[in-house]
Amino acid sequence: YLIPALASGRKVIVSTGTKGLQEQLYFKDLAFLHDILPWRFTATYMKGRANYLCLRRWGLYRTQPSLPETVSSLITTIEAWAEKTERGDRAEIVELPDESPLWDDINAKGEHCLGSKCPTYKECFVTKARQDAAAADLVVVNHHLFFADLMVKDAYGAILPPAQAVIFDEAHLIEDIATDYFGIHFSNYRVE
């Protein structure tokens, strides 16, 4: 489906069920197609805000007078990575365990975002990801981000750029994810 999508000349969003497939499409499949197709195209990927490093929060965190000993080795790793990363994607740091509480203190979650008032707004990885997505011919996202965009689009503005076509890979997961975003939950406790 990538070749017809790219050949269509339309802005296309490809939504996957997992981050793993999202990364495979972007880093392997699209990279391969970029090398073999006779025409040029641009592609990028986007993940939810919590997957990106917040430069402002990182700056505040690392200048704390005392840091927990459990994260001291990770600080050096993240510092070296933060200086060279172009995307700020947490998946690039293989040494950072998934369960590390450190990432919660330095990621770009929305409730901590200052938006355009942030002193690091121009360098912000979320801002760059949105700019890249707006300029790309094809954007690879996951279903969670796609439905989060649909949920907030009218009230708070869009997360994803407008597209002329959407392709759902791993569509068997859509029903549960869409229900999580647009469904109503009932329980005995809530009814009471």
N, C-alpha and C. Protein backbone atom coordinates (compact mmCIF):
# COMPACT_ATOMS: atom_id res chain seq x y z
N TYR A 1 0.80 -1.22 0.00
CA TYR A 1 0.00 0.00 0.00
C TYR A 1 0.84 1.27 0.00
N LEU A 2 2.10 1.21 0.36
CA LEU A 2 2.94 2.41 0.39
C LEU A 2 3.20 2.96 -1.00
N ILE A 3 3.45 2.09 -1.95
CA ILE A 3 3.77 2.56 -3.30
C ILE A 3 2.57 3.29 -3.92
N PRO A 4 1.36 2.70 -3.93
CA PRO A 4 0.22 3.46 -4.48
C PRO A 4 -0.06 4.75 -3.71
N ALA A 5 0.15 4.72 -2.40
CA ALA A 5 -0.07 5.93 -1.60
C ALA A 5 0.89 7.03 -2.02
N LEU A 6 2.16 6.67 -2.20
CA LEU A 6 3.16 7.65 -2.60
C LEU A 6 2.96 8.11 -4.04
N ALA A 7 2.50 7.21 -4.90
CA ALA A 7 2.29 7.53 -6.31
C ALA A 7 1.03 8.38 -6.52
N SER A 8 0.14 8.41 -5.54
CA SER A 8 -1.14 9.11 -5.70
C SER A 8 -0.98 10.63 -5.79
N GLY A 9 0.11 11.15 -5.25
CA GLY A 9 0.29 12.60 -5.22
C GLY A 9 -0.54 13.27 -4.13
N ARG A 10 -1.15 12.48 -3.29
CA ARG A 10 -1.97 13.00 -2.19
C ARG A 10 -1.20 12.99 -0.88
N LYS A 11 -1.66 13.83 0.03
CA LYS A 11 -1.14 13.79 1.40
C LYS A 11 -1.79 12.58 2.07
N VAL A 12 -0.98 11.66 2.58
CA VAL A 12 -1.48 10.41 3.12
C VAL A 12 -1.00 10.22 4.56
N ILE A 13 -1.91 9.76 5.40
CA ILE A 13 -1.55 9.32 6.75
C ILE A 13 -1.70 7.82 6.79
N VAL A 14 -0.67 7.13 7.27
CA VAL A 14 -0.73 5.69 7.49
C VAL A 14 -0.77 5.49 9.00
N SER A 15 -1.82 4.84 9.48
CA SER A 15 -1.98 4.61 10.91
C SER A 15 -1.78 3.13 11.20
N THR A 16 -0.91 2.83 12.17
CA THR A 16 -0.60 1.45 12.53
C THR A 16 -1.11 1.16 13.94
N GLY A 17 -1.20 -0.12 14.25
CA GLY A 17 -1.67 -0.52 15.57
C GLY A 17 -0.60 -0.44 16.63
N THR A 18 0.66 -0.53 16.23
CA THR A 18 1.75 -0.57 17.20
C THR A 18 2.89 0.36 16.81
N LYS A 19 3.63 0.78 17.80
CA LYS A 19 4.82 1.59 17.52
C LYS A 19 5.86 0.79 16.76
N GLY A 20 5.92 -0.52 17.03
CA GLY A 20 6.87 -1.38 16.34
C GLY A 20 6.66 -1.37 14.83
N LEU A 21 5.41 -1.52 14.41
CA LEU A 21 5.13 -1.48 12.97
C LEU A 21 5.35 -0.07 12.43
N GLN A 22 5.01 0.92 13.22
CA GLN A 22 5.22 2.31 12.81
C GLN A 22 6.71 2.53 12.50
N GLU A 23 7.57 2.08 13.37
CA GLU A 23 9.02 2.23 13.16
C GLU A 23 9.51 1.39 11.99
N GLN A 24 8.97 0.19 11.82
CA GLN A 24 9.36 -0.64 10.68
C GLN A 24 9.00 0.05 9.36
N LEU A 25 7.79 0.59 9.29
CA LEU A 25 7.37 1.26 8.06
C LEU A 25 8.29 2.45 7.75
N TYR A 26 8.58 3.23 8.78
CA TYR A 26 9.37 4.44 8.54
C TYR A 26 10.85 4.12 8.30
N PHE A 27 11.45 3.37 9.20
CA PHE A 27 12.90 3.17 9.14
C PHE A 27 13.33 2.12 8.12
N LYS A 28 12.48 1.14 7.82
CA LYS A 28 12.87 0.09 6.88
C LYS A 28 12.15 0.23 5.54
N ASP A 29 10.83 0.13 5.56
CA ASP A 29 10.08 0.08 4.31
C ASP A 29 10.18 1.38 3.52
N LEU A 30 9.93 2.51 4.15
CA LEU A 30 10.00 3.78 3.44
C LEU A 30 11.44 4.14 3.05
N ALA A 31 12.39 3.78 3.89
CA ALA A 31 13.80 4.02 3.54
C ALA A 31 14.16 3.20 2.29
N PHE A 32 13.70 1.96 2.23
CA PHE A 32 13.94 1.11 1.06
C PHE A 32 13.29 1.72 -0.18
N LEU A 33 12.02 2.14 -0.05
CA LEU A 33 11.32 2.73 -1.19
C LEU A 33 11.97 4.04 -1.64
N HIS A 34 12.48 4.79 -0.70
CA HIS A 34 13.17 6.04 -1.04
C HIS A 34 14.36 5.77 -1.95
N ASP A 35 15.02 4.65 -1.72
CA ASP A 35 16.20 4.29 -2.53
C ASP A 35 15.84 3.73 -3.90
N ILE A 36 14.70 3.06 -4.03
CA ILE A 36 14.42 2.37 -5.30
C ILE A 36 13.39 3.05 -6.19
N LEU A 37 12.51 3.88 -5.63
CA LEU A 37 11.47 4.49 -6.46
C LEU A 37 12.07 5.57 -7.36
N PRO A 38 11.55 5.73 -8.56
CA PRO A 38 12.12 6.71 -9.49
C PRO A 38 11.70 8.15 -9.20
N TRP A 39 10.84 8.36 -8.22
CA TRP A 39 10.46 9.73 -7.87
C TRP A 39 10.78 10.01 -6.41
N ARG A 40 10.92 11.25 -6.09
CA ARG A 40 11.26 11.68 -4.73
C ARG A 40 9.98 11.90 -3.93
N PHE A 41 10.04 11.60 -2.68
CA PHE A 41 8.92 11.84 -1.77
C PHE A 41 9.48 12.14 -0.39
N THR A 42 8.65 12.73 0.44
CA THR A 42 9.04 12.98 1.82
C THR A 42 8.09 12.21 2.73
N ALA A 43 8.64 11.66 3.79
CA ALA A 43 7.86 10.91 4.76
C ALA A 43 8.42 11.19 6.15
N THR A 44 7.55 11.06 7.13
CA THR A 44 7.97 11.23 8.52
C THR A 44 7.06 10.38 9.39
N TYR A 45 7.36 10.34 10.67
CA TYR A 45 6.47 9.66 11.62
C TYR A 45 6.21 10.59 12.79
N MET A 46 5.10 10.36 13.45
CA MET A 46 4.75 11.10 14.65
C MET A 46 4.29 10.12 15.72
N LYS A 47 4.65 10.42 16.94
CA LYS A 47 4.18 9.66 18.09
C LYS A 47 3.53 10.63 19.06
N GLY A 48 2.95 10.11 20.10
CA GLY A 48 2.35 10.96 21.13
C GLY A 48 3.42 11.76 21.85
N ARG A 49 3.01 12.87 22.44
CA ARG A 49 3.95 13.81 23.09
C ARG A 49 4.84 13.14 24.13
N ALA A 50 4.32 12.17 24.86
CA ALA A 50 5.09 11.54 25.93
C ALA A 50 6.28 10.74 25.40
N ASN A 51 6.36 10.55 24.10
CA ASN A 51 7.49 9.85 23.50
C ASN A 51 8.66 10.76 23.18
N TYR A 52 8.49 12.06 23.36
CA TYR A 52 9.52 13.03 23.00
C TYR A 52 10.12 13.69 24.24
N LEU A 53 11.38 14.01 24.15
CA LEU A 53 12.08 14.73 25.21
C LEU A 53 11.63 16.19 25.21
N CYS A 54 11.33 16.72 26.39
CA CYS A 54 11.06 18.15 26.55
C CYS A 54 12.37 18.81 26.96
N LEU A 55 12.88 19.68 26.10
CA LEU A 55 14.18 20.32 26.38
C LEU A 55 14.12 21.20 27.62
N ARG A 56 13.01 21.89 27.82
CA ARG A 56 12.87 22.76 29.00
C ARG A 56 12.88 21.93 30.28
N ARG A 57 12.08 20.86 30.33
CA ARG A 57 12.01 20.01 31.51
C ARG A 57 13.34 19.29 31.75
N TRP A 58 14.01 18.89 30.66
CA TRP A 58 15.31 18.24 30.78
C TRP A 58 16.33 19.20 31.38
N GLY A 59 16.32 20.44 30.92
CA GLY A 59 17.24 21.44 31.46
C GLY A 59 17.01 21.66 32.95
N LEU A 60 15.75 21.73 33.36
CA LEU A 60 15.43 21.90 34.78
C LEU A 60 15.82 20.67 35.58
N TYR A 61 15.58 19.51 35.04
CA TYR A 61 15.85 18.26 35.77
C TYR A 61 17.33 18.08 36.04
N ARG A 62 18.14 18.25 35.01
CA ARG A 62 19.57 17.96 35.18
C ARG A 62 20.30 19.01 36.01
N THR A 63 19.68 20.16 36.26
CA THR A 63 20.34 21.18 37.08
C THR A 63 19.85 21.14 38.53
N GLN A 64 19.09 20.11 38.89
CA GLN A 64 18.67 19.96 40.29
C GLN A 64 19.90 19.79 41.17
N PRO A 65 19.85 20.33 42.39
CA PRO A 65 21.03 20.20 43.26
C PRO A 65 21.37 18.76 43.62
N SER A 66 20.36 17.91 43.77
CA SER A 66 20.66 16.50 44.07
C SER A 66 19.73 15.62 43.26
N LEU A 67 20.34 14.68 42.57
CA LEU A 67 19.59 13.74 41.74
C LEU A 67 19.65 12.36 42.38
N PRO A 68 18.60 11.58 42.20
CA PRO A 68 18.63 10.22 42.77
C PRO A 68 19.78 9.40 42.18
N GLU A 69 20.42 8.59 43.03
CA GLU A 69 21.54 7.77 42.57
C GLU A 69 21.12 6.77 41.51
N THR A 70 19.87 6.34 41.55
CA THR A 70 19.39 5.33 40.61
C THR A 70 19.37 5.83 39.17
N VAL A 71 19.41 7.14 38.98
CA VAL A 71 19.36 7.67 37.62
C VAL A 71 20.68 8.30 37.18
N SER A 72 21.69 8.30 38.03
CA SER A 72 22.94 9.01 37.70
C SER A 72 23.59 8.49 36.42
N SER A 73 23.60 7.18 36.18
CA SER A 73 24.20 6.66 34.95
C SER A 73 23.33 7.00 33.74
N LEU A 74 22.03 7.04 33.95
CA LEU A 74 21.13 7.40 32.85
C LEU A 74 21.26 8.86 32.46
N ILE A 75 21.57 9.71 33.43
CA ILE A 75 21.72 11.14 33.16
C ILE A 75 22.81 11.36 32.11
N THR A 76 23.94 10.70 32.29
CA THR A 76 25.05 10.83 31.34
C THR A 76 24.63 10.33 29.96
N THR A 77 23.94 9.20 29.92
CA THR A 77 23.48 8.64 28.65
C THR A 77 22.52 9.59 27.96
N ILE A 78 21.55 10.11 28.70
CA ILE A 78 20.54 11.00 28.11
C ILE A 78 21.19 12.32 27.69
N GLU A 79 22.11 12.80 28.47
CA GLU A 79 22.79 14.05 28.12
C GLU A 79 23.52 13.92 26.78
N ALA A 80 24.24 12.82 26.59
CA ALA A 80 24.95 12.60 25.32
C ALA A 80 23.96 12.46 24.17
N TRP A 81 22.87 11.72 24.41
CA TRP A 81 21.85 11.53 23.39
C TRP A 81 21.15 12.85 23.04
N ALA A 82 20.81 13.64 24.06
CA ALA A 82 20.07 14.89 23.86
C ALA A 82 20.86 15.88 23.01
N GLU A 83 22.16 15.83 23.09
CA GLU A 83 23.00 16.74 22.31
C GLU A 83 23.05 16.38 20.83
N LYS A 84 22.82 15.10 20.49
CA LYS A 84 22.96 14.69 19.10
C LYS A 84 21.65 14.30 18.41
N THR A 85 20.58 14.03 19.18
CA THR A 85 19.34 13.57 18.56
C THR A 85 18.70 14.65 17.71
N GLU A 86 18.12 14.23 16.60
CA GLU A 86 17.38 15.16 15.76
C GLU A 86 15.89 15.07 16.04
N ARG A 87 15.43 13.93 16.56
CA ARG A 87 14.01 13.71 16.76
C ARG A 87 13.58 13.79 18.23
N GLY A 88 14.47 13.50 19.14
CA GLY A 88 14.10 13.51 20.55
C GLY A 88 13.18 12.37 20.93
N ASP A 89 13.17 11.31 20.15
CA ASP A 89 12.29 10.16 20.35
C ASP A 89 12.89 9.22 21.39
N ARG A 90 12.13 8.95 22.43
CA ARG A 90 12.56 8.10 23.52
C ARG A 90 13.04 6.73 23.05
N ALA A 91 12.49 6.23 21.94
CA ALA A 91 12.87 4.92 21.42
C ALA A 91 14.33 4.86 21.00
N GLU A 92 14.95 6.00 20.79
CA GLU A 92 16.37 6.03 20.40
C GLU A 92 17.30 5.69 21.56
N ILE A 93 16.80 5.76 22.78
CA ILE A 93 17.64 5.50 23.96
C ILE A 93 17.40 4.06 24.42
N VAL A 94 18.17 3.14 23.88
CA VAL A 94 17.96 1.72 24.22
C VAL A 94 18.33 1.42 25.67
N GLU A 95 19.20 2.24 26.26
CA GLU A 95 19.64 2.00 27.64
C GLU A 95 18.58 2.40 28.67
N LEU A 96 17.59 3.15 28.26
CA LEU A 96 16.57 3.63 29.20
C LEU A 96 15.47 2.58 29.35
N PRO A 97 15.36 1.97 30.52
CA PRO A 97 14.32 0.94 30.71
C PRO A 97 12.92 1.53 30.54
N ASP A 98 12.01 0.72 30.03
CA ASP A 98 10.63 1.18 29.82
C ASP A 98 9.98 1.66 31.11
N GLU A 99 10.33 1.04 32.20
CA GLU A 99 9.70 1.38 33.48
C GLU A 99 10.43 2.50 34.25
N SER A 100 11.40 3.14 33.63
CA SER A 100 12.16 4.18 34.31
C SER A 100 11.29 5.41 34.63
N PRO A 101 11.24 5.80 35.90
CA PRO A 101 10.46 6.99 36.26
C PRO A 101 11.12 8.28 35.78
N LEU A 102 12.38 8.21 35.40
CA LEU A 102 13.09 9.39 34.92
C LEU A 102 12.39 9.99 33.70
N TRP A 103 11.93 9.14 32.77
CA TRP A 103 11.31 9.65 31.54
C TRP A 103 10.06 10.47 31.84
N ASP A 104 9.32 10.10 32.88
CA ASP A 104 8.12 10.87 33.25
C ASP A 104 8.48 12.30 33.66
N ASP A 105 9.67 12.49 34.15
CA ASP A 105 10.10 13.82 34.60
C ASP A 105 10.64 14.71 33.48
N ILE A 106 10.91 14.12 32.32
CA ILE A 106 11.56 14.92 31.27
C ILE A 106 10.86 14.84 29.91
N ASN A 107 9.73 14.13 29.83
CA ASN A 107 9.08 14.03 28.52
C ASN A 107 8.18 15.23 28.26
N ALA A 108 7.65 15.30 27.05
CA ALA A 108 6.90 16.48 26.59
C ALA A 108 5.39 16.33 26.73
N LYS A 109 4.93 15.67 27.79
CA LYS A 109 3.49 15.52 28.01
C LYS A 109 2.80 16.87 27.97
N GLY A 110 1.59 16.87 27.45
CA GLY A 110 0.84 18.09 27.23
C GLY A 110 0.62 18.95 28.46
N GLU A 111 0.38 18.33 29.61
CA GLU A 111 0.08 19.13 30.81
C GLU A 111 1.27 19.96 31.28
N HIS A 112 2.45 19.66 30.78
CA HIS A 112 3.64 20.43 31.16
C HIS A 112 4.07 21.42 30.08
N CYS A 113 3.40 21.38 28.95
CA CYS A 113 3.82 22.18 27.79
C CYS A 113 3.41 23.64 27.94
N LEU A 114 4.33 24.55 27.65
CA LEU A 114 4.05 25.98 27.69
C LEU A 114 3.71 26.53 26.31
N GLY A 115 3.76 25.65 25.31
CA GLY A 115 3.43 26.07 23.95
C GLY A 115 4.43 27.08 23.41
N SER A 116 3.92 28.04 22.66
CA SER A 116 4.81 29.02 22.02
C SER A 116 5.48 29.95 23.02
N LYS A 117 5.06 29.93 24.29
CA LYS A 117 5.70 30.75 25.34
C LYS A 117 6.94 30.07 25.92
N CYS A 118 7.18 28.84 25.53
CA CYS A 118 8.32 28.08 26.06
C CYS A 118 9.62 28.64 25.50
N PRO A 119 10.65 28.78 26.34
CA PRO A 119 11.94 29.29 25.85
C PRO A 119 12.61 28.34 24.85
N THR A 120 12.21 27.08 24.82
CA THR A 120 12.80 26.12 23.87
C THR A 120 11.82 25.75 22.75
N TYR A 121 10.82 26.59 22.51
CA TYR A 121 9.77 26.28 21.53
C TYR A 121 10.33 26.00 20.13
N LYS A 122 11.26 26.82 19.67
CA LYS A 122 11.79 26.64 18.31
C LYS A 122 12.60 25.36 18.17
N GLU A 123 13.22 24.90 19.25
CA GLU A 123 14.01 23.68 19.22
C GLU A 123 13.19 22.46 19.63
N CYS A 124 11.95 22.66 20.06
CA CYS A 124 11.10 21.61 20.62
C CYS A 124 10.92 20.46 19.63
N PHE A 125 11.08 19.24 20.12
CA PHE A 125 10.96 18.07 19.27
C PHE A 125 9.51 17.84 18.83
N VAL A 126 8.54 18.18 19.65
CA VAL A 126 7.14 18.05 19.27
C VAL A 126 6.82 19.06 18.17
N THR A 127 7.29 20.28 18.32
CA THR A 127 7.10 21.31 17.30
C THR A 127 7.71 20.87 15.98
N LYS A 128 8.94 20.34 16.04
CA LYS A 128 9.61 19.87 14.82
C LYS A 128 8.85 18.71 14.19
N ALA A 129 8.35 17.79 15.00
CA ALA A 129 7.60 16.65 14.47
C ALA A 129 6.34 17.13 13.75
N ARG A 130 5.67 18.12 14.31
CA ARG A 130 4.48 18.66 13.66
C ARG A 130 4.83 19.40 12.37
N GLN A 131 5.92 20.14 12.37
CA GLN A 131 6.35 20.83 11.16
C GLN A 131 6.74 19.83 10.07
N ASP A 132 7.46 18.79 10.46
CA ASP A 132 7.84 17.75 9.50
C ASP A 132 6.61 17.06 8.92
N ALA A 133 5.62 16.78 9.78
CA ALA A 133 4.40 16.13 9.33
C ALA A 133 3.62 17.02 8.37
N ALA A 134 3.58 18.31 8.65
CA ALA A 134 2.87 19.23 7.77
C ALA A 134 3.51 19.30 6.39
N ALA A 135 4.82 19.14 6.32
CA ALA A 135 5.54 19.25 5.06
C ALA A 135 5.65 17.93 4.29
N ALA A 136 5.43 16.80 4.96
CA ALA A 136 5.65 15.48 4.35
C ALA A 136 4.51 15.06 3.44
N ASP A 137 4.86 14.22 2.48
CA ASP A 137 3.86 13.61 1.60
C ASP A 137 3.11 12.49 2.33
N LEU A 138 3.83 11.78 3.21
CA LEU A 138 3.25 10.65 3.93
C LEU A 138 3.68 10.72 5.39
N VAL A 139 2.72 10.54 6.29
CA VAL A 139 2.99 10.59 7.73
C VAL A 139 2.56 9.27 8.34
N VAL A 140 3.46 8.62 9.07
CA VAL A 140 3.16 7.36 9.74
C VAL A 140 2.88 7.66 11.21
N VAL A 141 1.69 7.26 11.67
CA VAL A 141 1.29 7.45 13.06
C VAL A 141 0.79 6.12 13.60
N ASN A 142 0.42 6.09 14.88
CA ASN A 142 -0.24 4.89 15.39
C ASN A 142 -1.71 5.23 15.66
N HIS A 143 -2.53 4.20 15.82
CA HIS A 143 -3.97 4.40 15.98
C HIS A 143 -4.30 5.30 17.17
N HIS A 144 -3.53 5.18 18.24
CA HIS A 144 -3.80 6.01 19.42
C HIS A 144 -3.66 7.50 19.08
N LEU A 145 -2.62 7.86 18.38
CA LEU A 145 -2.43 9.26 18.01
C LEU A 145 -3.50 9.69 17.00
N PHE A 146 -3.84 8.82 16.07
CA PHE A 146 -4.86 9.15 15.08
C PHE A 146 -6.20 9.47 15.77
N PHE A 147 -6.63 8.62 16.70
CA PHE A 147 -7.91 8.85 17.36
C PHE A 147 -7.83 9.97 18.39
N ALA A 148 -6.68 10.19 18.99
CA ALA A 148 -6.52 11.35 19.87
C ALA A 148 -6.70 12.63 19.06
N ASP A 149 -6.17 12.64 17.84
CA ASP A 149 -6.34 13.79 16.96
C ASP A 149 -7.82 14.01 16.64
N LEU A 150 -8.53 12.95 16.30
CA LEU A 150 -9.97 13.08 16.01
C LEU A 150 -10.74 13.62 17.21
N MET A 151 -10.34 13.18 18.39
CA MET A 151 -11.06 13.58 19.60
C MET A 151 -10.89 15.06 19.92
N VAL A 152 -9.69 15.61 19.70
CA VAL A 152 -9.43 17.00 20.09
C VAL A 152 -9.53 18.00 18.94
N LYS A 153 -9.66 17.50 17.73
CA LYS A 153 -9.55 18.35 16.54
C LYS A 153 -10.47 19.58 16.59
N ASP A 154 -11.72 19.43 16.89
CA ASP A 154 -12.64 20.57 16.86
C ASP A 154 -12.47 21.48 18.06
N ALA A 155 -12.20 20.90 19.22
CA ALA A 155 -12.15 21.70 20.45
C ALA A 155 -10.81 22.39 20.66
N TYR A 156 -9.70 21.71 20.37
CA TYR A 156 -8.39 22.24 20.74
C TYR A 156 -7.44 22.43 19.57
N GLY A 157 -7.87 22.16 18.37
CA GLY A 157 -6.96 22.22 17.23
C GLY A 157 -6.43 20.84 16.91
N ALA A 158 -5.82 20.71 15.78
CA ALA A 158 -5.39 19.40 15.31
C ALA A 158 -4.00 19.03 15.82
N ILE A 159 -3.79 17.73 15.98
CA ILE A 159 -2.48 17.19 16.27
C ILE A 159 -1.79 16.84 14.95
N LEU A 160 -2.55 16.20 14.06
CA LEU A 160 -2.04 15.76 12.77
C LEU A 160 -2.40 16.76 11.68
N PRO A 161 -1.60 16.82 10.64
CA PRO A 161 -1.94 17.73 9.53
C PRO A 161 -3.12 17.17 8.74
N PRO A 162 -3.82 18.03 8.02
CA PRO A 162 -4.91 17.52 7.17
C PRO A 162 -4.35 16.58 6.11
N ALA A 163 -5.11 15.53 5.80
CA ALA A 163 -4.66 14.57 4.79
C ALA A 163 -5.81 14.27 3.83
N GLN A 164 -5.44 13.84 2.63
CA GLN A 164 -6.45 13.50 1.63
C GLN A 164 -6.78 12.01 1.63
N ALA A 165 -5.97 11.22 2.32
CA ALA A 165 -6.22 9.78 2.41
C ALA A 165 -5.63 9.25 3.71
N VAL A 166 -6.29 8.23 4.26
CA VAL A 166 -5.79 7.56 5.46
C VAL A 166 -5.79 6.07 5.18
N ILE A 167 -4.70 5.42 5.54
CA ILE A 167 -4.58 3.97 5.40
C ILE A 167 -4.42 3.40 6.80
N PHE A 168 -5.27 2.44 7.15
CA PHE A 168 -5.17 1.78 8.45
C PHE A 168 -4.52 0.42 8.27
N ASP A 169 -3.34 0.23 8.84
CA ASP A 169 -2.69 -1.06 8.90
C ASP A 169 -3.01 -1.61 10.29
N GLU A 170 -3.12 -2.91 10.41
CA GLU A 170 -3.54 -3.54 11.67
C GLU A 170 -4.90 -2.99 12.09
N ALA A 171 -5.82 -2.93 11.12
CA ALA A 171 -7.14 -2.34 11.35
C ALA A 171 -7.97 -3.13 12.36
N HIS A 172 -7.62 -4.37 12.61
CA HIS A 172 -8.37 -5.16 13.59
C HIS A 172 -8.28 -4.56 15.00
N LEU A 173 -7.34 -3.66 15.22
CA LEU A 173 -7.20 -3.03 16.53
C LEU A 173 -8.00 -1.74 16.67
N ILE A 174 -8.54 -1.25 15.57
CA ILE A 174 -9.21 0.06 15.57
C ILE A 174 -10.42 0.09 16.49
N GLU A 175 -11.23 -0.95 16.46
CA GLU A 175 -12.48 -0.94 17.23
C GLU A 175 -12.22 -0.66 18.71
N ASP A 176 -11.28 -1.37 19.30
CA ASP A 176 -11.00 -1.18 20.73
C ASP A 176 -10.41 0.19 21.02
N ILE A 177 -9.52 0.66 20.15
CA ILE A 177 -8.89 1.96 20.37
C ILE A 177 -9.90 3.09 20.19
N ALA A 178 -10.72 3.00 19.15
CA ALA A 178 -11.75 4.02 18.95
C ALA A 178 -12.74 4.03 20.10
N THR A 179 -13.08 2.86 20.62
CA THR A 179 -13.99 2.77 21.76
C THR A 179 -13.38 3.43 23.00
N ASP A 180 -12.07 3.26 23.18
CA ASP A 180 -11.41 3.91 24.31
C ASP A 180 -11.53 5.43 24.22
N TYR A 181 -11.42 5.97 23.02
CA TYR A 181 -11.46 7.43 22.84
C TYR A 181 -12.88 7.99 22.79
N PHE A 182 -13.82 7.26 22.20
CA PHE A 182 -15.15 7.81 21.97
C PHE A 182 -16.27 7.10 22.73
N GLY A 183 -15.92 6.03 23.44
CA GLY A 183 -16.94 5.28 24.15
C GLY A 183 -17.26 5.88 25.51
N ILE A 184 -18.33 5.39 26.09
CA ILE A 184 -18.73 5.78 27.44
C ILE A 184 -18.61 4.54 28.31
N HIS A 185 -18.00 4.68 29.46
CA HIS A 185 -17.78 3.55 30.36
C HIS A 185 -18.81 3.57 31.49
N PHE A 186 -19.38 2.42 31.76
CA PHE A 186 -20.33 2.28 32.85
C PHE A 186 -19.82 1.25 33.85
N SER A 187 -20.14 1.49 35.09
CA SER A 187 -19.86 0.51 36.15
C SER A 187 -20.87 0.74 37.25
N ASN A 188 -20.98 -0.21 38.16
CA ASN A 188 -21.90 -0.04 39.30
C ASN A 188 -21.55 1.22 40.08
N TYR A 189 -20.28 1.44 40.29
CA TYR A 189 -19.82 2.60 41.05
C TYR A 189 -20.22 3.90 40.37
N ARG A 190 -20.02 4.00 39.06
CA ARG A 190 -20.34 5.22 38.33
C ARG A 190 -21.85 5.47 38.31
N VAL A 191 -22.64 4.39 38.19
CA VAL A 191 -24.10 4.56 38.17
C VAL A 191 -24.58 5.08 39.52
N GLU A 192 -24.03 4.53 40.60
CA GLU A 192 -24.43 5.01 41.94
C GLU A 192 -24.02 6.44 42.14
